[in-house]
Amino acid sequence: MNVSASLTPFNSPTQDSLPMVLDTLPDPAIASKTCPRRTRLQIDLILLAIEALELGGSEAILTFAQELDLKGIVKDRVNLWRMRSSNPLRRAHIRRPLTIIEAKALVVIACYIARRLTVVIRQLLMICQQMEEKQIPLEQNLRLSNYLERFRAHFKSRMNARRSGVLALTSDAKLDELAINLLGQLLFCTGTAGMQRFWISLFDGEVE
């Protein structure tokens, strides 16, 4: 029996069989082949923002996995849930690593969805800026209010309120601020080399 093969985590694809789209993201210069805590957290939050942007966001993630030839990594809803539950702030946190390959797949999917939603994201950020300049409460805009409300609901239902990182986000105002920041990150992903720059940013301070 090949011991090294038996230790391959979660039957992940071999390097030779990886979809070419993953080659656009460089391997981070870290000793481990798994993602640090902050990376796992940020990826889950960016996907949470996508789910708040449009109904059926989870289905869109799986659909894009199929279209981008990433079904070998993001296999189904349960597999996706397990990857995202590697986020330590989750209620259903699973003590399993998120591999670099899995993280790449999720980031590629998130960035492709963000590109499809570029107009919507840009409009929401413009509305937010205009309302803040005029000192008008954000909830007075229906589209922006719907996004923020869905984000707060998703966050509160999925994150463990007893975690220190969540305790700092107990107020609606703090969650709204996070939701707006994530919109900015999604727009960043749609720019020139945005996917690559977002990916590298996930490992800031982690590179050895």
C-alpha atoms as a PDB file:
ATOM      1  CA  MET A   1       0.000   0.000   0.000  1.00  0.00           C
ATOM      2  CA  ASN A   2       1.273   3.457  -0.897  1.00  0.00           C
ATOM      3  CA  VAL A   3       1.338   5.278   2.447  1.00  0.00           C
ATOM      4  CA  SER A   4       1.775   8.753   0.981  1.00  0.00           C
ATOM      5  CA  ALA A   5      -1.264   8.251  -1.253  1.00  0.00           C
ATOM      6  CA  SER A   6      -3.362   7.098   1.686  1.00  0.00           C
ATOM      7  CA  LEU A   7      -2.529  10.317   3.526  1.00  0.00           C
ATOM      8  CA  THR A   8      -3.786  12.606   0.766  1.00  0.00           C
ATOM      9  CA  PRO A   9      -6.418  14.735   2.572  1.00  0.00           C
ATOM     10  CA  PHE A  10     -10.071  14.177   1.680  1.00  0.00           C
ATOM     11  CA  ASN A  11      -9.248  12.431  -1.581  1.00  0.00           C
ATOM     12  CA  SER A  12      -8.236  15.760  -3.079  1.00  0.00           C
ATOM     13  CA  PRO A  13      -7.287  15.762  -6.781  1.00  0.00           C
ATOM     14  CA  THR A  14      -3.649  15.273  -7.655  1.00  0.00           C
ATOM     15  CA  GLN A  15      -1.660  18.250  -8.918  1.00  0.00           C
ATOM     16  CA  ASP A  16      -1.641  16.855 -12.451  1.00  0.00           C
ATOM     17  CA  SER A  17      -5.431  16.534 -12.566  1.00  0.00           C
ATOM     18  CA  LEU A  18      -6.237  20.068 -11.359  1.00  0.00           C
ATOM     19  CA  PRO A  19      -8.371  22.321 -13.592  1.00  0.00           C
ATOM     20  CA  MET A  20      -6.293  24.908 -15.460  1.00  0.00           C
ATOM     21  CA  VAL A  21      -8.289  27.811 -13.963  1.00  0.00           C
ATOM     22  CA  LEU A  22      -6.550  27.150 -10.624  1.00  0.00           C
ATOM     23  CA  ASP A  23      -3.162  27.781 -12.238  1.00  0.00           C
ATOM     24  CA  THR A  24      -4.018  31.494 -12.319  1.00  0.00           C
ATOM     25  CA  LEU A  25      -3.592  31.630  -8.522  1.00  0.00           C
ATOM     26  CA  PRO A  26      -0.039  31.286  -7.168  1.00  0.00           C
ATOM     27  CA  ASP A  27       0.753  28.910  -4.316  1.00  0.00           C
ATOM     28  CA  PRO A  28       1.294  30.907  -1.111  1.00  0.00           C
ATOM     29  CA  ALA A  29       4.760  30.726   0.425  1.00  0.00           C
ATOM     30  CA  ILE A  30       3.671  28.920   3.572  1.00  0.00           C
ATOM     31  CA  ALA A  31       4.978  25.648   4.975  1.00  0.00           C
ATOM     32  CA  SER A  32       1.555  24.065   5.405  1.00  0.00           C
ATOM     33  CA  LYS A  33      -0.618  22.883   2.512  1.00  0.00           C
ATOM     34  CA  THR A  34      -3.671  24.040   4.458  1.00  0.00           C
ATOM     35  CA  CYS A  35      -5.099  27.513   5.009  1.00  0.00           C
ATOM     36  CA  PRO A  36      -4.492  29.687   8.071  1.00  0.00           C
ATOM     37  CA  ARG A  37      -7.423  30.702  10.278  1.00  0.00           C
ATOM     38  CA  ARG A  38      -7.886  34.185   8.787  1.00  0.00           C
ATOM     39  CA  THR A  39      -7.910  32.830   5.244  1.00  0.00           C
ATOM     40  CA  ARG A  40     -10.684  30.343   6.080  1.00  0.00           C
ATOM     41  CA  LEU A  41     -12.685  33.081   7.781  1.00  0.00           C
ATOM     42  CA  GLN A  42     -12.366  35.578   4.925  1.00  0.00           C
ATOM     43  CA  ILE A  43     -13.339  33.095   2.219  1.00  0.00           C
ATOM     44  CA  ASP A  44     -16.468  32.078   4.108  1.00  0.00           C
ATOM     45  CA  LEU A  45     -17.449  35.724   4.669  1.00  0.00           C
ATOM     46  CA  ILE A  46     -17.026  36.639   0.994  1.00  0.00           C
ATOM     47  CA  LEU A  47     -19.316  33.718   0.092  1.00  0.00           C
ATOM     48  CA  LEU A  48     -21.778  34.885   2.754  1.00  0.00           C
ATOM     49  CA  ALA A  49     -21.910  38.297   1.067  1.00  0.00           C
ATOM     50  CA  ILE A  50     -22.628  36.620  -2.280  1.00  0.00           C
ATOM     51  CA  GLU A  51     -25.509  34.692  -0.704  1.00  0.00           C
ATOM     52  CA  ALA A  52     -26.894  37.968   0.679  1.00  0.00           C
ATOM     53  CA  LEU A  53     -26.600  39.665  -2.719  1.00  0.00           C
ATOM     54  CA  GLU A  54     -28.866  37.263  -4.526  1.00  0.00           C
ATOM     55  CA  LEU A  55     -31.334  34.565  -3.643  1.00  0.00           C
ATOM     56  CA  GLY A  56     -30.028  31.136  -4.533  1.00  0.00           C
ATOM     57  CA  GLY A  57     -26.435  32.150  -3.876  1.00  0.00           C
ATOM     58  CA  SER A  58     -25.537  28.667  -2.642  1.00  0.00           C
ATOM     59  CA  GLU A  59     -26.900  27.129  -5.822  1.00  0.00           C
ATOM     60  CA  ALA A  60     -24.919  29.648  -7.866  1.00  0.00           C
ATOM     61  CA  ILE A  61     -21.722  28.508  -6.128  1.00  0.00           C
ATOM     62  CA  LEU A  62     -22.413  24.891  -7.102  1.00  0.00           C
ATOM     63  CA  THR A  63     -23.442  25.893 -10.631  1.00  0.00           C
ATOM     64  CA  PHE A  64     -20.203  27.782 -11.176  1.00  0.00           C
ATOM     65  CA  ALA A  65     -18.256  24.846  -9.756  1.00  0.00           C
ATOM     66  CA  GLN A  66     -19.757  22.772 -12.559  1.00  0.00           C
ATOM     67  CA  GLU A  67     -19.153  25.394 -15.258  1.00  0.00           C
ATOM     68  CA  LEU A  68     -15.546  25.981 -14.191  1.00  0.00           C
ATOM     69  CA  ASP A  69     -14.750  22.256 -14.090  1.00  0.00           C
ATOM     70  CA  LEU A  70     -14.308  22.387 -10.311  1.00  0.00           C
ATOM     71  CA  LYS A  71     -16.827  19.678  -9.381  1.00  0.00           C
ATOM     72  CA  GLY A  72     -13.953  17.373  -8.519  1.00  0.00           C
ATOM     73  CA  ILE A  73     -13.185  19.754  -5.623  1.00  0.00           C
ATOM     74  CA  VAL A  74     -16.537  21.370  -4.777  1.00  0.00           C
ATOM     75  CA  LYS A  75     -18.541  18.205  -5.257  1.00  0.00           C
ATOM     76  CA  ASP A  76     -21.949  18.968  -3.754  1.00  0.00           C
ATOM     77  CA  ARG A  77     -23.830  20.956  -1.112  1.00  0.00           C
ATOM     78  CA  VAL A  78     -22.554  18.815   1.789  1.00  0.00           C
ATOM     79  CA  ASN A  79     -18.960  19.068   0.583  1.00  0.00           C
ATOM     80  CA  LEU A  80     -19.315  22.861   0.245  1.00  0.00           C
ATOM     81  CA  TRP A  81     -20.790  23.088   3.756  1.00  0.00           C
ATOM     82  CA  ARG A  82     -17.858  21.141   5.186  1.00  0.00           C
ATOM     83  CA  MET A  83     -15.331  23.436   3.519  1.00  0.00           C
ATOM     84  CA  ARG A  84     -17.077  26.539   4.809  1.00  0.00           C
ATOM     85  CA  SER A  85     -17.459  25.039   8.284  1.00  0.00           C
ATOM     86  CA  SER A  86     -13.674  25.146   8.574  1.00  0.00           C
ATOM     87  CA  ASN A  87     -14.335  28.817   9.443  1.00  0.00           C
ATOM     88  CA  PRO A  88     -13.709  28.830  13.231  1.00  0.00           C
ATOM     89  CA  LEU A  89     -16.511  31.350  13.848  1.00  0.00           C
ATOM     90  CA  ARG A  90     -19.201  28.989  12.549  1.00  0.00           C
ATOM     91  CA  ARG A  91     -21.772  27.412  14.866  1.00  0.00           C
ATOM     92  CA  ALA A  92     -21.092  24.092  13.158  1.00  0.00           C
ATOM     93  CA  HIS A  93     -17.327  24.553  13.059  1.00  0.00           C
ATOM     94  CA  ILE A  94     -15.598  21.385  11.893  1.00  0.00           C
ATOM     95  CA  ARG A  95     -12.008  20.787  12.940  1.00  0.00           C
ATOM     96  CA  ARG A  96     -10.820  19.912   9.473  1.00  0.00           C
ATOM     97  CA  PRO A  97      -8.301  21.771   7.353  1.00  0.00           C
ATOM     98  CA  LEU A  98      -9.177  23.756   4.274  1.00  0.00           C
ATOM     99  CA  THR A  99      -6.573  22.792   1.693  1.00  0.00           C
ATOM    100  CA  ILE A 100      -4.933  25.319  -0.591  1.00  0.00           C
ATOM    101  CA  ILE A 101      -6.589  23.613  -3.576  1.00  0.00           C
ATOM    102  CA  GLU A 102     -10.032  23.871  -1.969  1.00  0.00           C
ATOM    103  CA  ALA A 103      -9.430  27.526  -1.088  1.00  0.00           C
ATOM    104  CA  LYS A 104      -8.356  28.284  -4.660  1.00  0.00           C
ATOM    105  CA  ALA A 105     -11.528  26.673  -6.000  1.00  0.00           C
ATOM    106  CA  LEU A 106     -13.764  28.712  -3.674  1.00  0.00           C
ATOM    107  CA  VAL A 107     -11.957  31.962  -4.501  1.00  0.00           C
ATOM    108  CA  VAL A 108     -12.187  31.334  -8.255  1.00  0.00           C
ATOM    109  CA  ILE A 109     -15.918  30.635  -7.942  1.00  0.00           C
ATOM    110  CA  ALA A 110     -16.496  33.712  -5.756  1.00  0.00           C
ATOM    111  CA  CYS A 111     -14.636  35.956  -8.195  1.00  0.00           C
ATOM    112  CA  TYR A 112     -16.512  34.657 -11.227  1.00  0.00           C
ATOM    113  CA  ILE A 113     -19.842  35.234  -9.469  1.00  0.00           C
ATOM    114  CA  ALA A 114     -18.668  38.723  -8.460  1.00  0.00           C
ATOM    115  CA  ARG A 115     -17.915  39.515 -12.100  1.00  0.00           C
ATOM    116  CA  ARG A 116     -21.446  38.522 -13.036  1.00  0.00           C
ATOM    117  CA  LEU A 117     -22.766  40.809 -10.291  1.00  0.00           C
ATOM    118  CA  THR A 118     -20.411  43.726 -10.998  1.00  0.00           C
ATOM    119  CA  VAL A 119     -23.174  46.186 -11.935  1.00  0.00           C
ATOM    120  CA  VAL A 120     -25.236  45.349  -8.858  1.00  0.00           C
ATOM    121  CA  ILE A 121     -22.235  45.577  -6.522  1.00  0.00           C
ATOM    122  CA  ARG A 122     -21.121  48.904  -7.994  1.00  0.00           C
ATOM    123  CA  GLN A 123     -24.641  50.346  -7.730  1.00  0.00           C
ATOM    124  CA  LEU A 124     -25.008  49.323  -4.088  1.00  0.00           C
ATOM    125  CA  LEU A 125     -21.657  50.873  -3.182  1.00  0.00           C
ATOM    126  CA  MET A 126     -22.578  54.108  -4.978  1.00  0.00           C
ATOM    127  CA  ILE A 127     -25.927  54.229  -3.188  1.00  0.00           C
ATOM    128  CA  CYS A 128     -24.176  53.654   0.128  1.00  0.00           C
ATOM    129  CA  GLN A 129     -21.673  56.445  -0.520  1.00  0.00           C
ATOM    130  CA  GLN A 130     -24.375  58.912  -1.576  1.00  0.00           C
ATOM    131  CA  MET A 131     -26.545  58.175   1.443  1.00  0.00           C
ATOM    132  CA  GLU A 132     -23.633  58.484   3.854  1.00  0.00           C
ATOM    133  CA  GLU A 133     -22.655  61.834   2.306  1.00  0.00           C
ATOM    134  CA  LYS A 134     -26.224  63.064   2.793  1.00  0.00           C
ATOM    135  CA  GLN A 135     -26.379  61.460   6.258  1.00  0.00           C
ATOM    136  CA  ILE A 136     -29.437  59.423   5.291  1.00  0.00           C
ATOM    137  CA  PRO A 137     -29.914  56.060   7.102  1.00  0.00           C
ATOM    138  CA  LEU A 138     -28.936  53.176   4.810  1.00  0.00           C
ATOM    139  CA  GLU A 139     -32.153  51.271   5.530  1.00  0.00           C
ATOM    140  CA  GLN A 140     -34.119  53.954   3.681  1.00  0.00           C
ATOM    141  CA  ASN A 141     -32.924  52.509   0.378  1.00  0.00           C
ATOM    142  CA  LEU A 142     -34.848  49.321  -0.351  1.00  0.00           C
ATOM    143  CA  ARG A 143     -32.153  47.515  -2.392  1.00  0.00           C
ATOM    144  CA  LEU A 144     -29.379  48.299   0.062  1.00  0.00           C
ATOM    145  CA  SER A 145     -31.609  47.542   3.034  1.00  0.00           C
ATOM    146  CA  ASN A 146     -32.526  44.123   1.601  1.00  0.00           C
ATOM    147  CA  TYR A 147     -28.854  43.205   1.137  1.00  0.00           C
ATOM    148  CA  LEU A 148     -27.904  44.325   4.636  1.00  0.00           C
ATOM    149  CA  GLU A 149     -30.873  42.571   6.213  1.00  0.00           C
ATOM    150  CA  ARG A 150     -30.108  39.284   4.454  1.00  0.00           C
ATOM    151  CA  PHE A 151     -26.433  39.526   5.397  1.00  0.00           C
ATOM    152  CA  ARG A 152     -27.249  40.120   9.070  1.00  0.00           C
ATOM    153  CA  ALA A 153     -29.696  37.203   9.059  1.00  0.00           C
ATOM    154  CA  HIS A 154     -27.174  34.853   7.424  1.00  0.00           C
ATOM    155  CA  PHE A 155     -24.390  35.916   9.789  1.00  0.00           C
ATOM    156  CA  LYS A 156     -26.450  35.580  12.965  1.00  0.00           C
ATOM    157  CA  SER A 157     -27.885  32.200  11.986  1.00  0.00           C
ATOM    158  CA  ARG A 158     -24.546  30.650  11.014  1.00  0.00           C
ATOM    159  CA  MET A 159     -21.963  32.138  13.361  1.00  0.00           C
ATOM    160  CA  ASN A 160     -21.357  31.154  16.979  1.00  0.00           C
ATOM    161  CA  ALA A 161     -22.316  34.143  19.139  1.00  0.00           C
ATOM    162  CA  ARG A 162     -19.948  32.976  21.892  1.00  0.00           C
ATOM    163  CA  ARG A 163     -16.832  33.286  19.737  1.00  0.00           C
ATOM    164  CA  SER A 164     -14.763  36.392  20.461  1.00  0.00           C
ATOM    165  CA  GLY A 165     -14.695  37.367  16.801  1.00  0.00           C
ATOM    166  CA  VAL A 166     -18.478  37.296  16.685  1.00  0.00           C
ATOM    167  CA  LEU A 167     -18.938  39.119  19.998  1.00  0.00           C
ATOM    168  CA  ALA A 168     -17.312  42.138  18.370  1.00  0.00           C
ATOM    169  CA  LEU A 169     -20.044  42.101  15.726  1.00  0.00           C
ATOM    170  CA  THR A 170     -23.170  41.891  17.860  1.00  0.00           C
ATOM    171  CA  SER A 171     -24.687  45.210  16.766  1.00  0.00           C
ATOM    172  CA  ASP A 172     -26.515  45.698  13.473  1.00  0.00           C
ATOM    173  CA  ALA A 173     -24.317  48.719  12.770  1.00  0.00           C
ATOM    174  CA  LYS A 174     -21.141  46.602  12.995  1.00  0.00           C
ATOM    175  CA  LEU A 175     -22.641  43.907  10.769  1.00  0.00           C
ATOM    176  CA  ASP A 176     -23.740  46.522   8.230  1.00  0.00           C
ATOM    177  CA  GLU A 177     -20.197  47.892   8.185  1.00  0.00           C
ATOM    178  CA  LEU A 178     -18.828  44.394   7.574  1.00  0.00           C
ATOM    179  CA  ALA A 179     -21.383  43.778   4.809  1.00  0.00           C
ATOM    180  CA  ILE A 180     -20.390  47.015   3.035  1.00  0.00           C
ATOM    181  CA  ASN A 181     -16.675  46.195   3.377  1.00  0.00           C
ATOM    182  CA  LEU A 182     -17.316  42.812   1.784  1.00  0.00           C
ATOM    183  CA  LEU A 183     -19.066  44.530  -1.136  1.00  0.00           C
ATOM    184  CA  GLY A 184     -15.880  46.532  -1.618  1.00  0.00           C
ATOM    185  CA  GLN A 185     -13.831  43.322  -1.599  1.00  0.00           C
ATOM    186  CA  LEU A 186     -16.143  41.751  -4.166  1.00  0.00           C
ATOM    187  CA  LEU A 187     -15.787  44.784  -6.431  1.00  0.00           C
ATOM    188  CA  PHE A 188     -12.004  44.583  -5.965  1.00  0.00           C
ATOM    189  CA  CYS A 189     -12.187  40.984  -7.211  1.00  0.00           C
ATOM    190  CA  THR A 190     -13.731  42.134 -10.506  1.00  0.00           C
ATOM    191  CA  GLY A 191     -10.888  44.493 -11.438  1.00  0.00           C
ATOM    192  CA  THR A 192      -7.762  43.835 -13.483  1.00  0.00           C
ATOM    193  CA  ALA A 193      -5.961  40.867 -11.880  1.00  0.00           C
ATOM    194  CA  GLY A 194      -8.503  41.256  -9.083  1.00  0.00           C
ATOM    195  CA  MET A 195      -8.805  37.543  -8.459  1.00  0.00           C
ATOM    196  CA  GLN A 196      -5.054  37.129  -8.093  1.00  0.00           C
ATOM    197  CA  ARG A 197      -4.704  40.203  -5.853  1.00  0.00           C
ATOM    198  CA  PHE A 198      -7.607  39.130  -3.648  1.00  0.00           C
ATOM    199  CA  TRP A 199      -6.094  35.651  -3.326  1.00  0.00           C
ATOM    200  CA  ILE A 200      -2.692  37.049  -2.309  1.00  0.00           C
ATOM    201  CA  SER A 201      -4.373  39.384   0.216  1.00  0.00           C
ATOM    202  CA  LEU A 202      -5.849  36.355   1.988  1.00  0.00           C
ATOM    203  CA  PHE A 203      -2.346  35.363   3.084  1.00  0.00           C
ATOM    204  CA  ASP A 204      -1.053  38.787   4.104  1.00  0.00           C
ATOM    205  CA  GLY A 205       0.955  38.344   7.279  1.00  0.00           C
ATOM    206  CA  GLU A 206       0.911  34.560   6.884  1.00  0.00           C
ATOM    207  CA  VAL A 207       3.722  34.168   4.343  1.00  0.00           C
ATOM    208  CA  GLU A 208       6.905  32.727   5.800  1.00  0.00           C
END
